[in-house]
Amino acid sequence: MQVTINPEVLKELEYMVSLHQKHGAPNPMESVEQLVGFVLASVADGSRRPGAWERGMLEQMGLVADCDEHHQYRASYGAPADA
């Protein structure tokens, strides 16, 4: 998979990383790749864990599907075996 990032968005992500490197952060990122990986993992965790803090992020962005299935906890990533 390849992800294309808008050049203006990339500038902001690079700036965030530079701030982390200069000043520290509760969860400092060393690179844009690490930052993007962390954010995508958080989205995936919010998708499979309805009670997790990450779920609130998905709800605010309108990314929770309108079905009961997306409101059930799943211990592992991906579609459930019975889906």
Foldseek 3Di string as FASTA:
>chain_A
DDDDDDPVVQVVLQVQQVCCVVPNDPDHDNDSVRVVVVLVVLCQQLQQAVVDPSVVVCVVVVNQDPDVLSNHHDPDGDDDPVD
